[in-house]
Amino acid sequence: MEIVMARGDLEARTFVVTENGRPPAEPFDNIYLTVKRSPKDREALIQKKLSDGTIYETETAGTFAFEIEPEDTDGLPYGEYGFDLEFFRDGSLKKTVVGRITLTEEYTHHNNEGA
């Protein structure tokens, strides 16, 4: 999955999860979206979770969504970051998807909006 967005903007994304070509038969305990500059970094720059509602299942079985909020990226430098989505069921990691997010330049910064 590749995400290109202006830093400080709102970016809503959906993704579909299949197991053997079908929506998952059993629900996930948790799904994590973790964004870092490097996989070696200990601290996440952005993290979304199924368990706290920042990742949620849509009305379509197997389709999940999340939003990258303006405050998630407003203070980050422009450039490329890596992320992964990890899917857990019964306490075990079931699947990992890796992607990239690119933050592009912006002219109307978050603090300029609504002024």
Protein backbone atom coordinates (compact mmCIF):
# COMPACT_ATOMS: atom_id res chain seq x y z
CA MET A 1 0.00 0.00 0.00
CA GLU A 2 1.34 3.42 -0.94
CA ILE A 3 0.02 6.67 0.51
CA VAL A 4 1.01 10.08 -0.84
CA MET A 5 -0.50 13.02 1.00
CA ALA A 6 0.15 16.64 1.86
CA ARG A 7 1.58 16.98 5.34
CA GLY A 8 -1.07 18.23 7.77
CA ASP A 9 -4.05 17.13 5.67
CA LEU A 10 -6.73 14.56 6.45
CA GLU A 11 -6.27 11.27 4.58
CA ALA A 12 -8.94 8.57 4.87
CA ARG A 13 -8.06 5.08 3.64
CA THR A 14 -9.77 1.73 3.40
CA PHE A 15 -8.20 -1.68 2.95
CA VAL A 16 -9.60 -5.12 2.31
CA VAL A 17 -8.49 -8.22 4.19
CA THR A 18 -9.07 -11.66 2.73
CA GLU A 19 -8.24 -15.14 3.91
CA ASN A 20 -8.36 -17.78 1.20
CA GLY A 21 -10.00 -15.25 -1.12
CA ARG A 22 -12.86 -14.42 1.28
CA PRO A 23 -13.50 -11.97 4.11
CA PRO A 24 -12.11 -13.29 7.40
CA ALA A 25 -14.43 -15.83 9.03
CA GLU A 26 -13.23 -14.89 12.52
CA PRO A 27 -12.75 -11.34 13.80
CA PHE A 28 -9.32 -9.96 14.58
CA ASP A 29 -8.34 -9.20 18.19
CA ASN A 30 -6.39 -6.22 16.99
CA ILE A 31 -4.96 -4.54 13.91
CA TYR A 32 -2.04 -2.11 14.23
CA LEU A 33 -0.97 0.52 11.71
CA THR A 34 2.48 1.75 12.78
CA VAL A 35 4.37 4.53 10.96
CA LYS A 36 8.09 5.11 11.54
CA ARG A 37 10.96 6.81 9.74
CA SER A 38 12.94 3.54 9.95
CA PRO A 39 12.03 0.01 11.08
CA LYS A 40 14.88 0.33 13.61
CA ASP A 41 13.20 3.25 15.40
CA ARG A 42 11.71 2.29 18.76
CA GLU A 43 8.97 4.94 18.89
CA ALA A 44 6.08 5.08 16.44
CA LEU A 45 5.40 8.45 14.81
CA ILE A 46 1.79 7.46 14.13
CA GLN A 47 -0.12 4.44 15.39
CA LYS A 48 -3.73 3.45 14.76
CA LYS A 49 -5.42 0.42 16.37
CA LEU A 50 -8.56 -1.61 15.97
CA SER A 51 -8.75 -1.90 19.77
CA ASP A 52 -9.06 1.88 20.29
CA GLY A 53 -11.34 2.55 17.30
CA THR A 54 -8.79 4.44 15.21
CA ILE A 55 -9.02 1.51 12.79
CA TYR A 56 -12.55 0.24 12.26
CA GLU A 57 -14.42 -2.29 10.17
CA THR A 58 -16.79 -0.77 7.65
CA GLU A 59 -20.23 -2.13 6.78
CA THR A 60 -18.59 -4.35 4.14
CA ALA A 61 -17.19 -7.54 5.65
CA GLY A 62 -13.40 -7.64 5.55
CA THR A 63 -13.07 -3.93 4.74
CA PHE A 64 -11.40 -1.73 7.31
CA ALA A 65 -10.70 2.01 7.42
CA PHE A 66 -8.52 4.54 9.20
CA GLU A 67 -7.86 8.26 9.01
CA ILE A 68 -4.54 10.03 9.22
CA GLU A 69 -5.51 13.23 11.00
CA PRO A 70 -3.86 16.61 10.34
CA GLU A 71 -2.23 16.58 13.78
CA ASP A 72 -0.67 13.15 13.04
CA THR A 73 1.61 14.63 10.36
CA ASP A 74 1.63 18.39 10.95
CA GLY A 75 4.95 18.38 12.83
CA LEU A 76 6.73 15.74 10.73
CA PRO A 77 9.35 16.61 8.11
CA TYR A 78 8.41 16.16 4.46
CA GLY A 79 9.59 12.87 3.01
CA GLU A 80 9.09 9.12 3.03
CA TYR A 81 8.17 6.93 5.98
CA GLY A 82 7.53 3.24 6.28
CA PHE A 83 4.55 1.55 7.86
CA ASP A 84 3.10 -1.85 8.46
CA LEU A 85 -0.31 -3.25 9.19
CA GLU A 86 -0.25 -6.20 11.57
CA PHE A 87 -3.28 -8.43 12.11
CA PHE A 88 -3.69 -10.41 15.35
CA ARG A 89 -6.12 -13.17 16.23
CA ASP A 90 -6.07 -15.33 19.38
CA GLY A 91 -2.96 -13.49 20.53
CA SER A 92 -0.93 -14.47 17.46
CA LEU A 93 0.29 -12.42 14.51
CA LYS A 94 -1.62 -13.66 11.46
CA LYS A 95 -0.52 -11.31 8.69
CA THR A 96 1.72 -8.29 8.03
CA VAL A 97 1.41 -5.81 5.16
CA VAL A 98 4.20 -3.28 4.57
CA GLY A 99 3.84 0.07 2.81
CA ARG A 100 5.19 3.59 2.38
CA ILE A 101 3.75 6.99 3.15
CA THR A 102 5.12 10.12 1.50
CA LEU A 103 4.40 13.52 3.01
CA THR A 104 4.47 16.24 0.38
CA GLU A 105 4.73 20.02 0.71
CA GLU A 106 1.78 22.14 1.66
CA TYR A 107 1.09 25.86 1.63
CA THR A 108 -1.90 26.13 3.95
CA HIS A 109 -0.62 24.70 7.21
CA HIS A 110 -2.93 23.25 9.85
CA ASN A 111 -2.56 26.38 11.99
CA ASN A 112 -3.63 28.57 9.01
CA GLU A 113 -6.95 26.79 8.61
CA GLY A 114 -9.98 28.36 10.17
CA ALA A 115 -8.28 31.71 10.70
